[in-house]
Amino acid sequence: PLTFIINQVREVVIWGRLPDWAGLGIY
């Protein structure tokens, strides 16, 4: 359960991309 959130934190902070909204909704 930590992998997805860790990846999304890196998306918005490190890579400057929008998170996976569908994945966040399911999560």
mmCIF file of all heavy atoms, coordinates in Angstrom:
data_MODEL
# 
_entry.id   MODEL 
# 
loop_
_atom_site.group_PDB 
_atom_site.id 
_atom_site.type_symbol 
_atom_site.label_atom_id 
_atom_site.label_alt_id 
_atom_site.label_comp_id 
_atom_site.label_asym_id 
_atom_site.label_entity_id 
_atom_site.label_seq_id 
_atom_site.pdbx_PDB_ins_code 
_atom_site.Cartn_x 
_atom_site.Cartn_y 
_atom_site.Cartn_z 
_atom_site.occupancy 
_atom_site.B_iso_or_equiv 
_atom_site.pdbx_formal_charge 
_atom_site.auth_seq_id 
_atom_site.auth_comp_id 
_atom_site.auth_asym_id 
_atom_site.auth_atom_id 
_atom_site.pdbx_PDB_model_num 
ATOM 1   N N   . PRO A 1 1  ? 0.795   -1.235 0.000   1.00 0.00 ? 1  PRO A N   1 
ATOM 2   C CA  . PRO A 1 1  ? 0.000   0.000  0.000   1.00 0.00 ? 1  PRO A CA  1 
ATOM 3   C C   . PRO A 1 1  ? 0.823   1.279  0.000   1.00 0.00 ? 1  PRO A C   1 
ATOM 4   O O   . PRO A 1 1  ? 0.283   2.352  -0.279  1.00 0.00 ? 1  PRO A O   1 
ATOM 5   C CB  . PRO A 1 1  ? -0.822  -0.119 1.294   1.00 0.00 ? 1  PRO A CB  1 
ATOM 6   C CG  . PRO A 1 1  ? -0.057  -1.065 2.153   1.00 0.00 ? 1  PRO A CG  1 
ATOM 7   C CD  . PRO A 1 1  ? 0.565   -2.048 1.218   1.00 0.00 ? 1  PRO A CD  1 
ATOM 8   N N   . LEU A 1 2  ? 2.113   1.181  0.304   1.00 0.00 ? 2  LEU A N   1 
ATOM 9   C CA  . LEU A 1 2  ? 2.952   2.377  0.322   1.00 0.00 ? 2  LEU A CA  1 
ATOM 10  C C   . LEU A 1 2  ? 3.485   2.728  -1.065  1.00 0.00 ? 2  LEU A C   1 
ATOM 11  O O   . LEU A 1 2  ? 3.748   3.897  -1.356  1.00 0.00 ? 2  LEU A O   1 
ATOM 12  C CB  . LEU A 1 2  ? 4.140   2.169  1.273   1.00 0.00 ? 2  LEU A CB  1 
ATOM 13  C CG  . LEU A 1 2  ? 3.802   1.952  2.751   1.00 0.00 ? 2  LEU A CG  1 
ATOM 14  C CD1 . LEU A 1 2  ? 5.078   1.778  3.564   1.00 0.00 ? 2  LEU A CD1 1 
ATOM 15  C CD2 . LEU A 1 2  ? 2.991   3.112  3.300   1.00 0.00 ? 2  LEU A CD2 1 
ATOM 16  N N   . THR A 1 3  ? 3.640   1.738  -1.914  1.00 0.00 ? 3  THR A N   1 
ATOM 17  C CA  . THR A 1 3  ? 4.250   1.961  -3.223  1.00 0.00 ? 3  THR A CA  1 
ATOM 18  C C   . THR A 1 3  ? 3.504   3.002  -4.046  1.00 0.00 ? 3  THR A C   1 
ATOM 19  O O   . THR A 1 3  ? 4.111   3.922  -4.605  1.00 0.00 ? 3  THR A O   1 
ATOM 20  C CB  . THR A 1 3  ? 4.335   0.639  -4.009  1.00 0.00 ? 3  THR A CB  1 
ATOM 21  O OG1 . THR A 1 3  ? 5.251   -0.238 -3.348  1.00 0.00 ? 3  THR A OG1 1 
ATOM 22  C CG2 . THR A 1 3  ? 4.816   0.869  -5.434  1.00 0.00 ? 3  THR A CG2 1 
ATOM 23  N N   . PHE A 1 4  ? 2.200   2.877  -4.123  1.00 0.00 ? 4  PHE A N   1 
ATOM 24  C CA  . PHE A 1 4  ? 1.423   3.799  -4.953  1.00 0.00 ? 4  PHE A CA  1 
ATOM 25  C C   . PHE A 1 4  ? 1.543   5.233  -4.451  1.00 0.00 ? 4  PHE A C   1 
ATOM 26  O O   . PHE A 1 4  ? 1.769   6.163  -5.243  1.00 0.00 ? 4  PHE A O   1 
ATOM 27  C CB  . PHE A 1 4  ? -0.052  3.377  -4.976  1.00 0.00 ? 4  PHE A CB  1 
ATOM 28  C CG  . PHE A 1 4  ? -0.928  4.299  -5.779  1.00 0.00 ? 4  PHE A CG  1 
ATOM 29  C CD1 . PHE A 1 4  ? -0.918  4.249  -7.154  1.00 0.00 ? 4  PHE A CD1 1 
ATOM 30  C CD2 . PHE A 1 4  ? -1.739  5.239  -5.147  1.00 0.00 ? 4  PHE A CD2 1 
ATOM 31  C CE1 . PHE A 1 4  ? -1.714  5.114  -7.905  1.00 0.00 ? 4  PHE A CE1 1 
ATOM 32  C CE2 . PHE A 1 4  ? -2.545  6.099  -5.879  1.00 0.00 ? 4  PHE A CE2 1 
ATOM 33  C CZ  . PHE A 1 4  ? -2.515  6.036  -7.266  1.00 0.00 ? 4  PHE A CZ  1 
ATOM 34  N N   . ILE A 1 5  ? 1.411   5.434  -3.145  1.00 0.00 ? 5  ILE A N   1 
ATOM 35  C CA  . ILE A 1 5  ? 1.475   6.792  -2.591  1.00 0.00 ? 5  ILE A CA  1 
ATOM 36  C C   . ILE A 1 5  ? 2.875   7.372  -2.755  1.00 0.00 ? 5  ILE A C   1 
ATOM 37  O O   . ILE A 1 5  ? 3.033   8.556  -3.100  1.00 0.00 ? 5  ILE A O   1 
ATOM 38  C CB  . ILE A 1 5  ? 1.067   6.793  -1.104  1.00 0.00 ? 5  ILE A CB  1 
ATOM 39  C CG1 . ILE A 1 5  ? -0.390  6.341  -0.951  1.00 0.00 ? 5  ILE A CG1 1 
ATOM 40  C CG2 . ILE A 1 5  ? 1.246   8.178  -0.505  1.00 0.00 ? 5  ILE A CG2 1 
ATOM 41  C CD1 . ILE A 1 5  ? -1.403  7.227  -1.639  1.00 0.00 ? 5  ILE A CD1 1 
ATOM 42  N N   . ILE A 1 6  ? 3.893   6.559  -2.527  1.00 0.00 ? 6  ILE A N   1 
ATOM 43  C CA  . ILE A 1 6  ? 5.269   7.026  -2.717  1.00 0.00 ? 6  ILE A CA  1 
ATOM 44  C C   . ILE A 1 6  ? 5.482   7.487  -4.158  1.00 0.00 ? 6  ILE A C   1 
ATOM 45  O O   . ILE A 1 6  ? 6.063   8.552  -4.412  1.00 0.00 ? 6  ILE A O   1 
ATOM 46  C CB  . ILE A 1 6  ? 6.272   5.907  -2.359  1.00 0.00 ? 6  ILE A CB  1 
ATOM 47  C CG1 . ILE A 1 6  ? 6.293   5.674  -0.849  1.00 0.00 ? 6  ILE A CG1 1 
ATOM 48  C CG2 . ILE A 1 6  ? 7.680   6.257  -2.855  1.00 0.00 ? 6  ILE A CG2 1 
ATOM 49  C CD1 . ILE A 1 6  ? 7.107   4.468  -0.422  1.00 0.00 ? 6  ILE A CD1 1 
ATOM 50  N N   . ASN A 1 7  ? 4.993   6.709  -5.090  1.00 0.00 ? 7  ASN A N   1 
ATOM 51  C CA  . ASN A 1 7  ? 5.138   7.073  -6.503  1.00 0.00 ? 7  ASN A CA  1 
ATOM 52  C C   . ASN A 1 7  ? 4.406   8.372  -6.827  1.00 0.00 ? 7  ASN A C   1 
ATOM 53  O O   . ASN A 1 7  ? 4.901   9.197  -7.606  1.00 0.00 ? 7  ASN A O   1 
ATOM 54  C CB  . ASN A 1 7  ? 4.608   5.946  -7.393  1.00 0.00 ? 7  ASN A CB  1 
ATOM 55  C CG  . ASN A 1 7  ? 5.499   4.720  -7.368  1.00 0.00 ? 7  ASN A CG  1 
ATOM 56  O OD1 . ASN A 1 7  ? 6.652   4.789  -6.958  1.00 0.00 ? 7  ASN A OD1 1 
ATOM 57  N ND2 . ASN A 1 7  ? 4.967   3.587  -7.793  1.00 0.00 ? 7  ASN A ND2 1 
ATOM 58  N N   . GLN A 1 8  ? 3.220   8.560  -6.235  1.00 0.00 ? 8  GLN A N   1 
ATOM 59  C CA  . GLN A 1 8  ? 2.448   9.769  -6.510  1.00 0.00 ? 8  GLN A CA  1 
ATOM 60  C C   . GLN A 1 8  ? 3.088   11.000 -5.878  1.00 0.00 ? 8  GLN A C   1 
ATOM 61  O O   . GLN A 1 8  ? 3.030   12.104 -6.445  1.00 0.00 ? 8  GLN A O   1 
ATOM 62  C CB  . GLN A 1 8  ? 1.005   9.598  -6.008  1.00 0.00 ? 8  GLN A CB  1 
ATOM 63  C CG  . GLN A 1 8  ? 0.234   8.485  -6.678  1.00 0.00 ? 8  GLN A CG  1 
ATOM 64  C CD  . GLN A 1 8  ? 0.346   8.528  -8.191  1.00 0.00 ? 8  GLN A CD  1 
ATOM 65  O OE1 . GLN A 1 8  ? -0.030  9.525  -8.815  1.00 0.00 ? 8  GLN A OE1 1 
ATOM 66  N NE2 . GLN A 1 8  ? 0.860   7.461  -8.791  1.00 0.00 ? 8  GLN A NE2 1 
ATOM 67  N N   . VAL A 1 9  ? 3.687   10.840 -4.702  1.00 0.00 ? 9  VAL A N   1 
ATOM 68  C CA  . VAL A 1 9  ? 4.405   11.958 -4.077  1.00 0.00 ? 9  VAL A CA  1 
ATOM 69  C C   . VAL A 1 9  ? 5.561   12.384 -4.981  1.00 0.00 ? 9  VAL A C   1 
ATOM 70  O O   . VAL A 1 9  ? 5.806   13.581 -5.189  1.00 0.00 ? 9  VAL A O   1 
ATOM 71  C CB  . VAL A 1 9  ? 4.931   11.559 -2.677  1.00 0.00 ? 9  VAL A CB  1 
ATOM 72  C CG1 . VAL A 1 9  ? 5.922   12.602 -2.149  1.00 0.00 ? 9  VAL A CG1 1 
ATOM 73  C CG2 . VAL A 1 9  ? 3.766   11.424 -1.698  1.00 0.00 ? 9  VAL A CG2 1 
ATOM 74  N N   . ARG A 1 10 ? 6.273   11.427 -5.515  1.00 0.00 ? 10 ARG A N   1 
ATOM 75  C CA  . ARG A 1 10 ? 7.376   11.748 -6.420  1.00 0.00 ? 10 ARG A CA  1 
ATOM 76  C C   . ARG A 1 10 ? 6.870   12.389 -7.709  1.00 0.00 ? 10 ARG A C   1 
ATOM 77  O O   . ARG A 1 10 ? 7.529   13.270 -8.273  1.00 0.00 ? 10 ARG A O   1 
ATOM 78  C CB  . ARG A 1 10 ? 8.176   10.476 -6.737  1.00 0.00 ? 10 ARG A CB  1 
ATOM 79  C CG  . ARG A 1 10 ? 9.036   10.007 -5.574  1.00 0.00 ? 10 ARG A CG  1 
ATOM 80  C CD  . ARG A 1 10 ? 9.626   8.646  -5.829  1.00 0.00 ? 10 ARG A CD  1 
ATOM 81  N NE  . ARG A 1 10 ? 10.532  8.240  -4.747  1.00 0.00 ? 10 ARG A NE  1 
ATOM 82  C CZ  . ARG A 1 10 ? 10.810  6.984  -4.450  1.00 0.00 ? 10 ARG A CZ  1 
ATOM 83  N NH1 . ARG A 1 10 ? 10.264  5.998  -5.162  1.00 0.00 ? 10 ARG A NH1 1 
ATOM 84  N NH2 . ARG A 1 10 ? 11.634  6.692  -3.458  1.00 0.00 ? 10 ARG A NH2 1 
ATOM 85  N N   . GLU A 1 11 ? 5.720   11.948 -8.178  1.00 0.00 ? 11 GLU A N   1 
ATOM 86  C CA  . GLU A 1 11 ? 5.152   12.529 -9.398  1.00 0.00 ? 11 GLU A CA  1 
ATOM 87  C C   . GLU A 1 11 ? 4.939   14.029 -9.244  1.00 0.00 ? 11 GLU A C   1 
ATOM 88  O O   . GLU A 1 11 ? 5.312   14.816 -10.116 1.00 0.00 ? 11 GLU A O   1 
ATOM 89  C CB  . GLU A 1 11 ? 3.822   11.842 -9.744  1.00 0.00 ? 11 GLU A CB  1 
ATOM 90  C CG  . GLU A 1 11 ? 3.957   10.442 -10.310 1.00 0.00 ? 11 GLU A CG  1 
ATOM 91  C CD  . GLU A 1 11 ? 4.523   10.426 -11.716 1.00 0.00 ? 11 GLU A CD  1 
ATOM 92  O OE1 . GLU A 1 11 ? 4.241   11.351 -12.493 1.00 0.00 ? 11 GLU A OE1 1 
ATOM 93  O OE2 . GLU A 1 11 ? 5.271   9.486  -12.033 1.00 0.00 ? 11 GLU A OE2 1 
ATOM 94  N N   . VAL A 1 12 ? 4.304   14.430 -8.127  1.00 0.00 ? 12 VAL A N   1 
ATOM 95  C CA  . VAL A 1 12 ? 3.935   15.846 -7.964  1.00 0.00 ? 12 VAL A CA  1 
ATOM 96  C C   . VAL A 1 12 ? 5.099   16.707 -7.472  1.00 0.00 ? 12 VAL A C   1 
ATOM 97  O O   . VAL A 1 12 ? 5.158   17.898 -7.779  1.00 0.00 ? 12 VAL A O   1 
ATOM 98  C CB  . VAL A 1 12 ? 2.730   15.991 -7.012  1.00 0.00 ? 12 VAL A CB  1 
ATOM 99  C CG1 . VAL A 1 12 ? 1.517   15.261 -7.577  1.00 0.00 ? 12 VAL A CG1 1 
ATOM 100 C CG2 . VAL A 1 12 ? 3.050   15.491 -5.609  1.00 0.00 ? 12 VAL A CG2 1 
ATOM 101 N N   . VAL A 1 13 ? 6.038   16.113 -6.719  1.00 0.00 ? 13 VAL A N   1 
ATOM 102 C CA  . VAL A 1 13 ? 7.139   16.898 -6.154  1.00 0.00 ? 13 VAL A CA  1 
ATOM 103 C C   . VAL A 1 13 ? 8.380   16.846 -7.037  1.00 0.00 ? 13 VAL A C   1 
ATOM 104 O O   . VAL A 1 13 ? 8.957   17.890 -7.374  1.00 0.00 ? 13 VAL A O   1 
ATOM 105 C CB  . VAL A 1 13 ? 7.497   16.413 -4.726  1.00 0.00 ? 13 VAL A CB  1 
ATOM 106 C CG1 . VAL A 1 13 ? 8.723   17.149 -4.206  1.00 0.00 ? 13 VAL A CG1 1 
ATOM 107 C CG2 . VAL A 1 13 ? 6.328   16.630 -3.782  1.00 0.00 ? 13 VAL A CG2 1 
ATOM 108 N N   . ILE A 1 14 ? 8.805   15.657 -7.412  1.00 0.00 ? 14 ILE A N   1 
ATOM 109 C CA  . ILE A 1 14 ? 10.071  15.493 -8.139  1.00 0.00 ? 14 ILE A CA  1 
ATOM 110 C C   . ILE A 1 14 ? 9.907   15.702 -9.640  1.00 0.00 ? 14 ILE A C   1 
ATOM 111 O O   . ILE A 1 14 ? 10.675  16.434 -10.272 1.00 0.00 ? 14 ILE A O   1 
ATOM 112 C CB  . ILE A 1 14 ? 10.674  14.097 -7.884  1.00 0.00 ? 14 ILE A CB  1 
ATOM 113 C CG1 . ILE A 1 14 ? 10.819  13.831 -6.377  1.00 0.00 ? 14 ILE A CG1 1 
ATOM 114 C CG2 . ILE A 1 14 ? 12.022  13.977 -8.602  1.00 0.00 ? 14 ILE A CG2 1 
ATOM 115 C CD1 . ILE A 1 14 ? 11.765  14.751 -5.664  1.00 0.00 ? 14 ILE A CD1 1 
ATOM 116 N N   . TRP A 1 15 ? 8.893   15.058 -10.214 1.00 0.00 ? 15 TRP A N   1 
ATOM 117 C CA  . TRP A 1 15 ? 8.755   15.078 -11.678 1.00 0.00 ? 15 TRP A CA  1 
ATOM 118 C C   . TRP A 1 15 ? 7.850   16.203 -12.175 1.00 0.00 ? 15 TRP A C   1 
ATOM 119 O O   . TRP A 1 15 ? 7.855   16.511 -13.371 1.00 0.00 ? 15 TRP A O   1 
ATOM 120 C CB  . TRP A 1 15 ? 8.219   13.736 -12.178 1.00 0.00 ? 15 TRP A CB  1 
ATOM 121 C CG  . TRP A 1 15 ? 8.919   12.539 -11.628 1.00 0.00 ? 15 TRP A CG  1 
ATOM 122 C CD1 . TRP A 1 15 ? 8.363   11.506 -10.929 1.00 0.00 ? 15 TRP A CD1 1 
ATOM 123 C CD2 . TRP A 1 15 ? 10.324  12.229 -11.703 1.00 0.00 ? 15 TRP A CD2 1 
ATOM 124 N NE1 . TRP A 1 15 ? 9.312   10.576 -10.568 1.00 0.00 ? 15 TRP A NE1 1 
ATOM 125 C CE2 . TRP A 1 15 ? 10.530  10.998 -11.034 1.00 0.00 ? 15 TRP A CE2 1 
ATOM 126 C CE3 . TRP A 1 15 ? 11.418  12.866 -12.276 1.00 0.00 ? 15 TRP A CE3 1 
ATOM 127 C CZ2 . TRP A 1 15 ? 11.784  10.408 -10.915 1.00 0.00 ? 15 TRP A CZ2 1 
ATOM 128 C CZ3 . TRP A 1 15 ? 12.676  12.289 -12.161 1.00 0.00 ? 15 TRP A CZ3 1 
ATOM 129 C CH2 . TRP A 1 15 ? 12.843  11.075 -11.496 1.00 0.00 ? 15 TRP A CH2 1 
ATOM 130 N N   . GLY A 1 16 ? 7.056   16.797 -11.282 1.00 0.00 ? 16 GLY A N   1 
ATOM 131 C CA  . GLY A 1 16 ? 6.194   17.906 -11.693 1.00 0.00 ? 16 GLY A CA  1 
ATOM 132 C C   . GLY A 1 16 ? 5.023   17.487 -12.555 1.00 0.00 ? 16 GLY A C   1 
ATOM 133 O O   . GLY A 1 16 ? 4.549   18.264 -13.395 1.00 0.00 ? 16 GLY A O   1 
ATOM 134 N N   . ARG A 1 17 ? 4.548   16.258 -12.351 1.00 0.00 ? 17 ARG A N   1 
ATOM 135 C CA  . ARG A 1 17 ? 3.405   15.754 -13.127 1.00 0.00 ? 17 ARG A CA  1 
ATOM 136 C C   . ARG A 1 17 ? 2.179   15.612 -12.237 1.00 0.00 ? 17 ARG A C   1 
ATOM 137 O O   . ARG A 1 17 ? 2.286   15.509 -11.009 1.00 0.00 ? 17 ARG A O   1 
ATOM 138 C CB  . ARG A 1 17 ? 3.759   14.404 -13.768 1.00 0.00 ? 17 ARG A CB  1 
ATOM 139 C CG  . ARG A 1 17 ? 4.897   14.480 -14.766 1.00 0.00 ? 17 ARG A CG  1 
ATOM 140 C CD  . ARG A 1 17 ? 5.018   13.193 -15.563 1.00 0.00 ? 17 ARG A CD  1 
ATOM 141 N NE  . ARG A 1 17 ? 5.576   12.110 -14.761 1.00 0.00 ? 17 ARG A NE  1 
ATOM 142 C CZ  . ARG A 1 17 ? 6.817   11.643 -14.888 1.00 0.00 ? 17 ARG A CZ  1 
ATOM 143 N NH1 . ARG A 1 17 ? 7.641   12.193 -15.770 1.00 0.00 ? 17 ARG A NH1 1 
ATOM 144 N NH2 . ARG A 1 17 ? 7.239   10.639 -14.141 1.00 0.00 ? 17 ARG A NH2 1 
ATOM 145 N N   . LEU A 1 18 ? 1.016   15.579 -12.866 1.00 0.00 ? 18 LEU A N   1 
ATOM 146 C CA  . LEU A 1 18 ? -0.219  15.380 -12.116 1.00 0.00 ? 18 LEU A CA  1 
ATOM 147 C C   . LEU A 1 18 ? -0.294  13.946 -11.613 1.00 0.00 ? 18 LEU A C   1 
ATOM 148 O O   . LEU A 1 18 ? 0.223   13.028 -12.254 1.00 0.00 ? 18 LEU A O   1 
ATOM 149 C CB  . LEU A 1 18 ? -1.430  15.681 -13.005 1.00 0.00 ? 18 LEU A CB  1 
ATOM 150 C CG  . LEU A 1 18 ? -1.644  17.147 -13.402 1.00 0.00 ? 18 LEU A CG  1 
ATOM 151 C CD1 . LEU A 1 18 ? -2.803  17.250 -14.392 1.00 0.00 ? 18 LEU A CD1 1 
ATOM 152 C CD2 . LEU A 1 18 ? -1.925  18.008 -12.175 1.00 0.00 ? 18 LEU A CD2 1 
ATOM 153 N N   . PRO A 1 19 ? -0.931  13.735 -10.466 1.00 0.00 ? 19 PRO A N   1 
ATOM 154 C CA  . PRO A 1 19 ? -1.039  12.368 -9.933  1.00 0.00 ? 19 PRO A CA  1 
ATOM 155 C C   . PRO A 1 19 ? -2.018  11.538 -10.738 1.00 0.00 ? 19 PRO A C   1 
ATOM 156 O O   . PRO A 1 19 ? -2.771  12.063 -11.576 1.00 0.00 ? 19 PRO A O   1 
ATOM 157 C CB  . PRO A 1 19 ? -1.537  12.596 -8.499  1.00 0.00 ? 19 PRO A CB  1 
ATOM 158 C CG  . PRO A 1 19 ? -2.296  13.882 -8.566  1.00 0.00 ? 19 PRO A CG  1 
ATOM 159 C CD  . PRO A 1 19 ? -1.551  14.726 -9.567  1.00 0.00 ? 19 PRO A CD  1 
ATOM 160 N N   . ASP A 1 20 ? -2.042  10.271 -10.469 1.00 0.00 ? 20 ASP A N   1 
ATOM 161 C CA  . ASP A 1 20 ? -2.984  9.348  -11.090 1.00 0.00 ? 20 ASP A CA  1 
ATOM 162 C C   . ASP A 1 20 ? -4.310  9.475  -10.354 1.00 0.00 ? 20 ASP A C   1 
ATOM 163 O O   . ASP A 1 20 ? -4.542  8.844  -9.327  1.00 0.00 ? 20 ASP A O   1 
ATOM 164 C CB  . ASP A 1 20 ? -2.444  7.916  -10.987 1.00 0.00 ? 20 ASP A CB  1 
ATOM 165 C CG  . ASP A 1 20 ? -3.380  6.882  -11.578 1.00 0.00 ? 20 ASP A CG  1 
ATOM 166 O OD1 . ASP A 1 20 ? -4.474  7.260  -12.057 1.00 0.00 ? 20 ASP A OD1 1 
ATOM 167 O OD2 . ASP A 1 20 ? -3.038  5.684  -11.559 1.00 0.00 ? 20 ASP A OD2 1 
ATOM 168 N N   . TRP A 1 21 ? -5.210  10.320 -10.884 1.00 0.00 ? 21 TRP A N   1 
ATOM 169 C CA  . TRP A 1 21 ? -6.466  10.612 -10.187 1.00 0.00 ? 21 TRP A CA  1 
ATOM 170 C C   . TRP A 1 21 ? -7.335  9.372  -10.029 1.00 0.00 ? 21 TRP A C   1 
ATOM 171 O O   . TRP A 1 21 ? -7.949  9.170  -8.976  1.00 0.00 ? 21 TRP A O   1 
ATOM 172 C CB  . TRP A 1 21 ? -7.242  11.702 -10.917 1.00 0.00 ? 21 TRP A CB  1 
ATOM 173 C CG  . TRP A 1 21 ? -6.578  13.040 -10.912 1.00 0.00 ? 21 TRP A CG  1 
ATOM 174 C CD1 . TRP A 1 21 ? -6.092  13.730 -11.987 1.00 0.00 ? 21 TRP A CD1 1 
ATOM 175 C CD2 . TRP A 1 21 ? -6.295  13.865 -9.769  1.00 0.00 ? 21 TRP A CD2 1 
ATOM 176 N NE1 . TRP A 1 21 ? -5.537  14.922 -11.598 1.00 0.00 ? 21 TRP A NE1 1 
ATOM 177 C CE2 . TRP A 1 21 ? -5.652  15.033 -10.238 1.00 0.00 ? 21 TRP A CE2 1 
ATOM 178 C CE3 . TRP A 1 21 ? -6.532  13.718 -8.401  1.00 0.00 ? 21 TRP A CE3 1 
ATOM 179 C CZ2 . TRP A 1 21 ? -5.239  16.054 -9.384  1.00 0.00 ? 21 TRP A CZ2 1 
ATOM 180 C CZ3 . TRP A 1 21 ? -6.123  14.740 -7.543  1.00 0.00 ? 21 TRP A CZ3 1 
ATOM 181 C CH2 . TRP A 1 21 ? -5.490  15.881 -8.029  1.00 0.00 ? 21 TRP A CH2 1 
ATOM 182 N N   . ALA A 1 22 ? -7.392  8.555  -11.062 1.00 0.00 ? 22 ALA A N   1 
ATOM 183 C CA  . ALA A 1 22 ? -8.201  7.337  -10.986 1.00 0.00 ? 22 ALA A CA  1 
ATOM 184 C C   . ALA A 1 22 ? -7.654  6.410  -9.913  1.00 0.00 ? 22 ALA A C   1 
ATOM 185 O O   . ALA A 1 22 ? -8.407  5.845  -9.103  1.00 0.00 ? 22 ALA A O   1 
ATOM 186 C CB  . ALA A 1 22 ? -8.217  6.635  -12.343 1.00 0.00 ? 22 ALA A CB  1 
ATOM 187 N N   . GLY A 1 23 ? -6.328  6.258  -9.899  1.00 0.00 ? 23 GLY A N   1 
ATOM 188 C CA  . GLY A 1 23 ? -5.703  5.419  -8.877  1.00 0.00 ? 23 GLY A CA  1 
ATOM 189 C C   . GLY A 1 23 ? -5.934  5.951  -7.480  1.00 0.00 ? 23 GLY A C   1 
ATOM 190 O O   . GLY A 1 23 ? -6.196  5.187  -6.538  1.00 0.00 ? 23 GLY A O   1 
ATOM 191 N N   . LEU A 1 24 ? -5.854  7.276  -7.325  1.00 0.00 ? 24 LEU A N   1 
ATOM 192 C CA  . LEU A 1 24 ? -6.097  7.886  -6.016  1.00 0.00 ? 24 LEU A CA  1 
ATOM 193 C C   . LEU A 1 24 ? -7.540  7.678  -5.572  1.00 0.00 ? 24 LEU A C   1 
ATOM 194 O O   . LEU A 1 24 ? -7.818  7.478  -4.382  1.00 0.00 ? 24 LEU A O   1 
ATOM 195 C CB  . LEU A 1 24 ? -5.779  9.381  -6.056  1.00 0.00 ? 24 LEU A CB  1 
ATOM 196 C CG  . LEU A 1 24 ? -4.303  9.784  -5.929  1.00 0.00 ? 24 LEU A CG  1 
ATOM 197 C CD1 . LEU A 1 24 ? -4.163  11.292 -6.076  1.00 0.00 ? 24 LEU A CD1 1 
ATOM 198 C CD2 . LEU A 1 24 ? -3.741  9.330  -4.584  1.00 0.00 ? 24 LEU A CD2 1 
ATOM 199 N N   . GLY A 1 25 ? -8.457  7.723  -6.535  1.00 0.00 ? 25 GLY A N   1 
ATOM 200 C CA  . GLY A 1 25 ? -9.869  7.503  -6.202  1.00 0.00 ? 25 GLY A CA  1 
ATOM 201 C C   . GLY A 1 25 ? -10.105 6.096  -5.689  1.00 0.00 ? 25 GLY A C   1 
ATOM 202 O O   . GLY A 1 25 ? -10.786 5.900  -4.667  1.00 0.00 ? 25 GLY A O   1 
ATOM 203 N N   . ILE A 1 26 ? -9.539  5.116  -6.388  1.00 0.00 ? 26 ILE A N   1 
ATOM 204 C CA  . ILE A 1 26 ? -9.670  3.717  -5.962  1.00 0.00 ? 26 ILE A CA  1 
ATOM 205 C C   . ILE A 1 26 ? -8.999  3.512  -4.604  1.00 0.00 ? 26 ILE A C   1 
ATOM 206 O O   . ILE A 1 26 ? -9.548  2.847  -3.718  1.00 0.00 ? 26 ILE A O   1 
ATOM 207 C CB  . ILE A 1 26 ? -9.053  2.781  -7.020  1.00 0.00 ? 26 ILE A CB  1 
ATOM 208 C CG1 . ILE A 1 26 ? -9.832  2.875  -8.332  1.00 0.00 ? 26 ILE A CG1 1 
ATOM 209 C CG2 . ILE A 1 26 ? -9.027  1.334  -6.521  1.00 0.00 ? 26 ILE A CG2 1 
ATOM 210 C CD1 . ILE A 1 26 ? -9.197  2.120  -9.493  1.00 0.00 ? 26 ILE A CD1 1 
ATOM 211 N N   . TYR A 1 27 ? -7.824  4.093  -4.436  1.00 0.00 ? 27 TYR A N   1 
ATOM 212 C CA  . TYR A 1 27 ? -7.080  3.966  -3.179  1.00 0.00 ? 27 TYR A CA  1 
ATOM 213 C C   . TYR A 1 27 ? -7.896  4.558  -2.025  1.00 0.00 ? 27 TYR A C   1 
ATOM 214 O O   . TYR A 1 27 ? -7.939  3.993  -0.931  1.00 0.00 ? 27 TYR A O   1 
ATOM 215 C CB  . TYR A 1 27 ? -5.743  4.696  -3.310  1.00 0.00 ? 27 TYR A CB  1 
ATOM 216 C CG  . TYR A 1 27 ? -4.723  4.342  -2.246  1.00 0.00 ? 27 TYR A CG  1 
ATOM 217 C CD1 . TYR A 1 27 ? -3.653  3.503  -2.534  1.00 0.00 ? 27 TYR A CD1 1 
ATOM 218 C CD2 . TYR A 1 27 ? -4.814  4.861  -0.948  1.00 0.00 ? 27 TYR A CD2 1 
ATOM 219 C CE1 . TYR A 1 27 ? -2.702  3.188  -1.572  1.00 0.00 ? 27 TYR A CE1 1 
ATOM 220 C CE2 . TYR A 1 27 ? -3.877  4.544  0.018   1.00 0.00 ? 27 TYR A CE2 1 
ATOM 221 C CZ  . TYR A 1 27 ? -2.830  3.709  -0.299  1.00 0.00 ? 27 TYR A CZ  1 
ATOM 222 O OH  . TYR A 1 27 ? -1.897  3.398  0.673   1.00 0.00 ? 27 TYR A OH  1 
# 
